[in-house]
Amino acid sequence: MAGVNKVILIGRLGADPEMRYTADGTAVCKFSLATSRKYTGRDGQKQEKTEWHRIVVWRKLAEICGQYLAKGKQVMIEGRIEYGSYEKEGVKHYTTDIVAENMQMLGGPGQENRAQEPEPPFGPPPGGVPEDDIPF
């Protein structure tokens, strides 16, 4: 039986997207997305917690995100969680990214556009992309 790795997030961009191209010309777009949840703490006080997610988008969908998204824009992202690691100056760093497969802009008239990456594949190009090529 195959597993399922599916994430749906609705939030706002924390900064303008970073648009890059790999050495072979593949588009990749990265941005941070904030999601918040409200809850009642043990003391009965209302609380709010914000989580920041690293979003990675590839190919045509990356170009759409790079062109139309900006800091503060509200979007819905559908994708999958991808864990990775890299070494920098002798220290191993671990990453958790959301690889976006669908994106929908939210928040106003004329902004309800939907974009979807064609299938397959959704991940990085064959052979991967060195971390140095895609700073975040």
N, C-alpha and C. Protein backbone atom coordinates (compact mmCIF):
# COMPACT_ATOMS: atom_id res chain seq x y z
N MET A 1 0.84 -1.19 0.00
CA MET A 1 0.00 0.00 0.00
C MET A 1 0.89 1.25 0.00
N ALA A 2 0.61 2.18 -0.88
CA ALA A 2 1.38 3.42 -0.97
C ALA A 2 0.95 4.38 0.11
N GLY A 3 1.88 5.23 0.56
CA GLY A 3 1.57 6.23 1.57
C GLY A 3 1.05 7.50 0.93
N VAL A 4 0.61 8.43 1.77
CA VAL A 4 0.10 9.71 1.31
C VAL A 4 0.89 10.82 1.98
N ASN A 5 1.33 11.78 1.22
CA ASN A 5 2.05 12.95 1.72
C ASN A 5 1.37 14.15 1.09
N LYS A 6 0.39 14.73 1.77
CA LYS A 6 -0.42 15.82 1.22
C LYS A 6 -0.56 16.92 2.26
N VAL A 7 -0.33 18.16 1.85
CA VAL A 7 -0.42 19.32 2.72
C VAL A 7 -1.27 20.37 2.04
N ILE A 8 -2.16 21.01 2.81
CA ILE A 8 -2.93 22.16 2.32
C ILE A 8 -2.72 23.28 3.33
N LEU A 9 -2.22 24.43 2.85
CA LEU A 9 -1.97 25.57 3.71
C LEU A 9 -2.66 26.81 3.13
N ILE A 10 -3.22 27.62 4.00
CA ILE A 10 -3.73 28.94 3.61
C ILE A 10 -3.04 29.94 4.50
N GLY A 11 -2.37 30.90 3.88
CA GLY A 11 -1.63 31.90 4.66
C GLY A 11 -1.20 33.06 3.80
N ARG A 12 -0.33 33.88 4.38
CA ARG A 12 0.18 35.07 3.68
C ARG A 12 1.69 34.99 3.51
N LEU A 13 2.17 35.49 2.37
CA LEU A 13 3.60 35.51 2.10
C LEU A 13 4.28 36.48 3.06
N GLY A 14 5.41 36.05 3.63
CA GLY A 14 6.17 36.89 4.55
C GLY A 14 7.13 37.83 3.83
N ALA A 15 7.40 37.57 2.57
CA ALA A 15 8.31 38.40 1.76
C ALA A 15 8.00 38.12 0.29
N ASP A 16 8.52 38.96 -0.58
CA ASP A 16 8.37 38.70 -2.01
C ASP A 16 9.05 37.37 -2.35
N PRO A 17 8.51 36.63 -3.30
CA PRO A 17 9.11 35.35 -3.70
C PRO A 17 10.52 35.55 -4.27
N GLU A 18 11.36 34.53 -4.08
CA GLU A 18 12.70 34.51 -4.68
C GLU A 18 12.65 33.61 -5.91
N MET A 19 12.85 34.19 -7.06
CA MET A 19 12.78 33.45 -8.33
C MET A 19 14.19 33.15 -8.80
N ARG A 20 14.46 31.90 -9.15
CA ARG A 20 15.76 31.48 -9.64
C ARG A 20 15.57 30.50 -10.79
N TYR A 21 16.67 30.26 -11.50
CA TYR A 21 16.69 29.24 -12.54
C TYR A 21 17.91 28.36 -12.31
N THR A 22 17.73 27.04 -12.44
CA THR A 22 18.86 26.13 -12.30
C THR A 22 19.76 26.26 -13.52
N ALA A 23 20.91 25.59 -13.48
CA ALA A 23 21.86 25.65 -14.60
C ALA A 23 21.23 25.20 -15.91
N ASP A 24 20.26 24.27 -15.84
CA ASP A 24 19.63 23.79 -17.08
C ASP A 24 18.39 24.61 -17.45
N GLY A 25 18.12 25.71 -16.73
CA GLY A 25 17.02 26.59 -17.09
C GLY A 25 15.70 26.28 -16.42
N THR A 26 15.68 25.36 -15.47
CA THR A 26 14.43 25.01 -14.77
C THR A 26 14.10 26.10 -13.76
N ALA A 27 12.88 26.61 -13.82
CA ALA A 27 12.44 27.66 -12.91
C ALA A 27 12.17 27.08 -11.52
N VAL A 28 12.60 27.81 -10.48
CA VAL A 28 12.30 27.44 -9.10
C VAL A 28 12.02 28.73 -8.33
N CYS A 29 10.95 28.72 -7.58
CA CYS A 29 10.53 29.88 -6.81
C CYS A 29 10.38 29.45 -5.35
N LYS A 30 10.92 30.27 -4.44
CA LYS A 30 10.81 29.98 -3.01
C LYS A 30 10.23 31.20 -2.30
N PHE A 31 9.40 30.90 -1.29
CA PHE A 31 8.88 31.97 -0.45
C PHE A 31 8.45 31.41 0.90
N SER A 32 8.31 32.30 1.87
CA SER A 32 7.84 31.90 3.19
C SER A 32 6.35 32.21 3.29
N LEU A 33 5.63 31.32 3.96
CA LEU A 33 4.19 31.46 4.12
C LEU A 33 3.85 31.35 5.60
N ALA A 34 3.10 32.32 6.11
CA ALA A 34 2.70 32.31 7.51
C ALA A 34 1.28 31.80 7.65
N THR A 35 1.09 30.85 8.57
CA THR A 35 -0.25 30.40 8.93
C THR A 35 -0.42 30.66 10.42
N SER A 36 -1.63 30.98 10.83
CA SER A 36 -1.89 31.27 12.24
C SER A 36 -3.07 30.45 12.72
N ARG A 37 -3.03 30.10 14.00
CA ARG A 37 -4.17 29.43 14.61
C ARG A 37 -4.42 30.07 15.96
N LYS A 38 -5.69 30.14 16.31
CA LYS A 38 -6.09 30.71 17.59
C LYS A 38 -6.55 29.60 18.50
N TYR A 39 -6.24 29.73 19.78
CA TYR A 39 -6.64 28.72 20.76
C TYR A 39 -6.73 29.38 22.13
N THR A 40 -7.33 28.66 23.06
CA THR A 40 -7.43 29.14 24.44
C THR A 40 -6.36 28.44 25.25
N GLY A 41 -5.52 29.22 25.91
CA GLY A 41 -4.44 28.68 26.73
C GLY A 41 -4.98 28.08 28.02
N ARG A 42 -4.09 27.43 28.76
CA ARG A 42 -4.48 26.81 30.02
C ARG A 42 -5.01 27.83 31.02
N ASP A 43 -4.55 29.07 30.87
CA ASP A 43 -5.01 30.13 31.79
C ASP A 43 -6.34 30.74 31.35
N GLY A 44 -6.93 30.20 30.26
CA GLY A 44 -8.21 30.69 29.77
C GLY A 44 -8.09 31.88 28.83
N GLN A 45 -6.88 32.37 28.62
CA GLN A 45 -6.65 33.52 27.73
C GLN A 45 -6.57 33.06 26.28
N LYS A 46 -7.09 33.90 25.40
CA LYS A 46 -7.01 33.62 23.96
C LYS A 46 -5.56 33.79 23.52
N GLN A 47 -5.09 32.86 22.72
CA GLN A 47 -3.72 32.87 22.22
C GLN A 47 -3.74 32.75 20.69
N GLU A 48 -2.66 33.18 20.06
CA GLU A 48 -2.50 32.99 18.63
C GLU A 48 -1.07 32.57 18.37
N LYS A 49 -0.91 31.54 17.55
CA LYS A 49 0.42 31.05 17.21
C LYS A 49 0.59 31.09 15.70
N THR A 50 1.70 31.65 15.26
CA THR A 50 2.01 31.74 13.84
C THR A 50 3.12 30.75 13.52
N GLU A 51 2.93 29.98 12.46
CA GLU A 51 3.94 29.05 11.96
C GLU A 51 4.42 29.57 10.61
N TRP A 52 5.72 29.45 10.34
CA TRP A 52 6.30 29.85 9.06
C TRP A 52 6.69 28.60 8.29
N HIS A 53 6.29 28.55 7.02
CA HIS A 53 6.54 27.39 6.17
C HIS A 53 7.39 27.83 4.97
N ARG A 54 8.38 27.01 4.62
CA ARG A 54 9.21 27.25 3.44
C ARG A 54 8.52 26.58 2.25
N ILE A 55 8.13 27.38 1.27
CA ILE A 55 7.44 26.86 0.09
C ILE A 55 8.42 26.84 -1.08
N VAL A 56 8.45 25.73 -1.82
CA VAL A 56 9.28 25.59 -3.01
C VAL A 56 8.36 25.22 -4.16
N VAL A 57 8.52 25.92 -5.28
CA VAL A 57 7.67 25.70 -6.45
C VAL A 57 8.58 25.52 -7.66
N TRP A 58 8.25 24.56 -8.53
CA TRP A 58 9.08 24.25 -9.69
C TRP A 58 8.36 24.54 -11.00
N ARG A 59 9.15 24.75 -12.03
CA ARG A 59 8.74 24.83 -13.43
C ARG A 59 7.73 25.94 -13.72
N LYS A 60 6.70 25.68 -14.50
CA LYS A 60 5.75 26.71 -14.94
C LYS A 60 5.03 27.34 -13.75
N LEU A 61 4.65 26.53 -12.76
CA LEU A 61 3.98 27.07 -11.59
C LEU A 61 4.91 28.03 -10.84
N ALA A 62 6.21 27.75 -10.84
CA ALA A 62 7.18 28.65 -10.21
C ALA A 62 7.18 30.01 -10.91
N GLU A 63 7.12 30.00 -12.23
CA GLU A 63 7.10 31.26 -12.98
C GLU A 63 5.84 32.06 -12.69
N ILE A 64 4.71 31.37 -12.55
CA ILE A 64 3.45 32.05 -12.22
C ILE A 64 3.55 32.68 -10.83
N CYS A 65 4.08 31.92 -9.87
CA CYS A 65 4.23 32.46 -8.50
C CYS A 65 5.17 33.66 -8.49
N GLY A 66 6.28 33.55 -9.21
CA GLY A 66 7.24 34.65 -9.26
C GLY A 66 6.65 35.90 -9.87
N GLN A 67 5.73 35.74 -10.82
CA GLN A 67 5.13 36.89 -11.50
C GLN A 67 3.99 37.52 -10.71
N TYR A 68 3.17 36.71 -10.05
CA TYR A 68 1.94 37.23 -9.47
C TYR A 68 1.91 37.35 -7.95
N LEU A 69 2.81 36.70 -7.25
CA LEU A 69 2.77 36.74 -5.79
C LEU A 69 3.69 37.82 -5.24
N ALA A 70 3.36 38.34 -4.07
CA ALA A 70 4.15 39.37 -3.41
C ALA A 70 3.92 39.29 -1.91
N LYS A 71 4.79 39.93 -1.17
CA LYS A 71 4.68 39.97 0.29
C LYS A 71 3.27 40.39 0.71
N GLY A 72 2.69 39.66 1.67
CA GLY A 72 1.37 39.97 2.19
C GLY A 72 0.23 39.31 1.43
N LYS A 73 0.50 38.78 0.24
CA LYS A 73 -0.54 38.15 -0.58
C LYS A 73 -1.02 36.87 0.11
N GLN A 74 -2.35 36.67 0.14
CA GLN A 74 -2.92 35.47 0.72
C GLN A 74 -3.09 34.41 -0.36
N VAL A 75 -2.62 33.20 -0.07
CA VAL A 75 -2.70 32.11 -1.03
C VAL A 75 -3.06 30.80 -0.34
N MET A 76 -3.57 29.88 -1.14
CA MET A 76 -3.74 28.50 -0.70
C MET A 76 -2.72 27.67 -1.48
N ILE A 77 -1.97 26.86 -0.75
CA ILE A 77 -0.96 26.00 -1.35
C ILE A 77 -1.34 24.56 -1.07
N GLU A 78 -1.30 23.73 -2.10
CA GLU A 78 -1.45 22.29 -1.94
C GLU A 78 -0.14 21.67 -2.40
N GLY A 79 0.37 20.74 -1.63
CA GLY A 79 1.63 20.11 -2.01
C GLY A 79 1.98 18.97 -1.09
N ARG A 80 3.31 18.76 -0.93
CA ARG A 80 3.80 17.67 -0.11
C ARG A 80 4.98 18.16 0.73
N ILE A 81 5.21 17.50 1.85
CA ILE A 81 6.34 17.82 2.72
C ILE A 81 7.57 17.09 2.20
N GLU A 82 8.69 17.79 2.16
CA GLU A 82 9.95 17.19 1.76
C GLU A 82 11.03 17.59 2.76
N TYR A 83 11.72 16.59 3.30
CA TYR A 83 12.79 16.83 4.27
C TYR A 83 14.12 16.69 3.57
N GLY A 84 15.08 17.51 3.95
CA GLY A 84 16.40 17.44 3.36
C GLY A 84 17.45 17.91 4.33
N SER A 85 18.69 17.86 3.88
CA SER A 85 19.79 18.36 4.71
C SER A 85 20.92 18.80 3.80
N TYR A 86 21.79 19.64 4.33
CA TYR A 86 22.98 20.09 3.62
C TYR A 86 24.02 20.46 4.66
N GLU A 87 25.26 20.51 4.23
CA GLU A 87 26.33 20.87 5.14
C GLU A 87 26.91 22.21 4.72
N LYS A 88 27.09 23.09 5.70
CA LYS A 88 27.66 24.41 5.43
C LYS A 88 28.65 24.73 6.55
N GLU A 89 29.88 25.01 6.15
CA GLU A 89 30.96 25.32 7.10
C GLU A 89 31.09 24.24 8.17
N GLY A 90 30.96 22.97 7.73
CA GLY A 90 31.14 21.85 8.63
C GLY A 90 29.96 21.55 9.53
N VAL A 91 28.86 22.29 9.38
CA VAL A 91 27.68 22.08 10.22
C VAL A 91 26.55 21.55 9.34
N LYS A 92 25.92 20.46 9.80
CA LYS A 92 24.81 19.88 9.06
C LYS A 92 23.52 20.63 9.42
N HIS A 93 22.81 21.08 8.40
CA HIS A 93 21.55 21.79 8.57
C HIS A 93 20.43 20.93 7.99
N TYR A 94 19.28 20.94 8.65
CA TYR A 94 18.13 20.17 8.19
C TYR A 94 17.06 21.13 7.70
N THR A 95 16.36 20.71 6.65
CA THR A 95 15.32 21.55 6.06
C THR A 95 14.00 20.81 6.00
N THR A 96 12.93 21.56 6.09
CA THR A 96 11.58 21.05 5.86
C THR A 96 10.93 22.01 4.89
N ASP A 97 10.61 21.52 3.72
CA ASP A 97 10.00 22.35 2.68
C ASP A 97 8.63 21.79 2.32
N ILE A 98 7.76 22.68 1.87
CA ILE A 98 6.51 22.29 1.26
C ILE A 98 6.70 22.48 -0.25
N VAL A 99 6.67 21.38 -0.99
CA VAL A 99 6.82 21.45 -2.44
C VAL A 99 5.41 21.62 -3.00
N ALA A 100 5.15 22.80 -3.55
CA ALA A 100 3.81 23.15 -4.03
C ALA A 100 3.51 22.48 -5.36
N GLU A 101 2.31 21.91 -5.44
CA GLU A 101 1.83 21.31 -6.67
C GLU A 101 0.66 22.11 -7.24
N ASN A 102 -0.05 22.84 -6.38
CA ASN A 102 -1.14 23.73 -6.78
C ASN A 102 -1.04 25.01 -5.96
N MET A 103 -1.51 26.10 -6.54
CA MET A 103 -1.53 27.38 -5.86
C MET A 103 -2.79 28.12 -6.27
N GLN A 104 -3.48 28.70 -5.29
CA GLN A 104 -4.64 29.53 -5.59
C GLN A 104 -4.48 30.85 -4.85
N MET A 105 -4.56 31.95 -5.59
CA MET A 105 -4.50 33.28 -4.97
C MET A 105 -5.85 33.58 -4.34
N LEU A 106 -5.83 34.15 -3.14
CA LEU A 106 -7.05 34.47 -2.41
C LEU A 106 -7.08 35.96 -2.09
N GLY A 107 -8.22 36.43 -1.61
CA GLY A 107 -8.23 37.75 -1.01
C GLY A 107 -8.88 38.88 -1.75
N GLY A 108 -9.47 38.71 -2.91
CA GLY A 108 -10.11 39.86 -3.52
C GLY A 108 -10.65 39.57 -4.90
N PRO A 109 -11.47 40.49 -5.42
CA PRO A 109 -12.03 40.32 -6.76
C PRO A 109 -10.93 40.22 -7.81
N GLY A 110 -11.11 39.32 -8.73
CA GLY A 110 -10.15 39.17 -9.81
C GLY A 110 -8.88 38.47 -9.39
N GLN A 111 -8.79 38.07 -8.11
CA GLN A 111 -7.57 37.44 -7.62
C GLN A 111 -7.79 35.97 -7.30
N GLU A 112 -8.85 35.39 -7.77
CA GLU A 112 -9.15 34.01 -7.47
C GLU A 112 -8.65 33.09 -8.58
N ASN A 113 -7.46 33.39 -9.06
CA ASN A 113 -6.86 32.58 -10.11
C ASN A 113 -6.31 31.30 -9.52
N ARG A 114 -6.32 30.26 -10.31
CA ARG A 114 -5.83 28.96 -9.86
C ARG A 114 -4.77 28.50 -10.85
N ALA A 115 -3.68 27.99 -10.32
CA ALA A 115 -2.61 27.48 -11.17
C ALA A 115 -2.23 26.10 -10.69
N GLN A 116 -1.90 25.23 -11.63
CA GLN A 116 -1.53 23.87 -11.27
C GLN A 116 -0.36 23.42 -12.13
N GLU A 117 0.61 22.78 -11.49
CA GLU A 117 1.75 22.21 -12.20
C GLU A 117 1.29 20.97 -12.96
N PRO A 118 1.62 20.84 -14.23
CA PRO A 118 1.23 19.63 -14.96
C PRO A 118 1.92 18.40 -14.39
N GLU A 119 1.28 17.24 -14.53
CA GLU A 119 1.87 15.99 -14.03
C GLU A 119 2.63 15.31 -15.13
N PRO A 120 3.46 14.34 -14.76
CA PRO A 120 4.45 14.39 -13.70
C PRO A 120 5.66 15.15 -14.15
N PRO A 121 6.73 15.31 -13.47
CA PRO A 121 6.94 15.09 -12.05
C PRO A 121 6.80 16.38 -11.29
N PHE A 122 6.70 16.31 -9.97
CA PHE A 122 6.55 17.52 -9.17
C PHE A 122 7.82 17.92 -8.46
N GLY A 123 8.73 17.03 -8.29
CA GLY A 123 9.94 17.31 -7.52
C GLY A 123 10.99 18.04 -8.32
N PRO A 124 12.17 18.13 -7.75
CA PRO A 124 13.27 18.77 -8.46
C PRO A 124 13.65 17.97 -9.70
N PRO A 125 14.37 18.56 -10.61
CA PRO A 125 14.76 17.85 -11.81
C PRO A 125 15.61 16.63 -11.45
N PRO A 126 15.69 15.66 -12.36
CA PRO A 126 16.49 14.46 -12.10
C PRO A 126 17.90 14.85 -11.68
N GLY A 127 18.40 14.17 -10.65
CA GLY A 127 19.73 14.49 -10.15
C GLY A 127 19.70 15.56 -9.09
N GLY A 128 18.55 16.20 -8.87
CA GLY A 128 18.42 17.21 -7.82
C GLY A 128 19.10 18.51 -8.19
N VAL A 129 19.05 19.44 -7.29
CA VAL A 129 19.64 20.76 -7.47
C VAL A 129 20.51 21.03 -6.25
N PRO A 130 21.79 21.35 -6.44
CA PRO A 130 22.64 21.65 -5.28
C PRO A 130 22.08 22.82 -4.48
N GLU A 131 22.18 22.74 -3.16
CA GLU A 131 21.67 23.80 -2.29
C GLU A 131 22.26 25.16 -2.65
N ASP A 132 23.53 25.19 -3.09
CA ASP A 132 24.15 26.47 -3.41
C ASP A 132 23.46 27.17 -4.57
N ASP A 133 22.79 26.39 -5.44
CA ASP A 133 22.10 26.99 -6.58
C ASP A 133 20.78 27.63 -6.19
N ILE A 134 20.23 27.26 -5.01
CA ILE A 134 18.92 27.75 -4.62
C ILE A 134 18.98 28.27 -3.19
N PRO A 135 19.55 29.45 -3.00
CA PRO A 135 19.63 29.97 -1.62
C PRO A 135 18.25 30.33 -1.09
N PHE A 136 18.07 30.15 0.21
CA PHE A 136 16.78 30.50 0.82
C PHE A 136 17.03 31.10 2.17
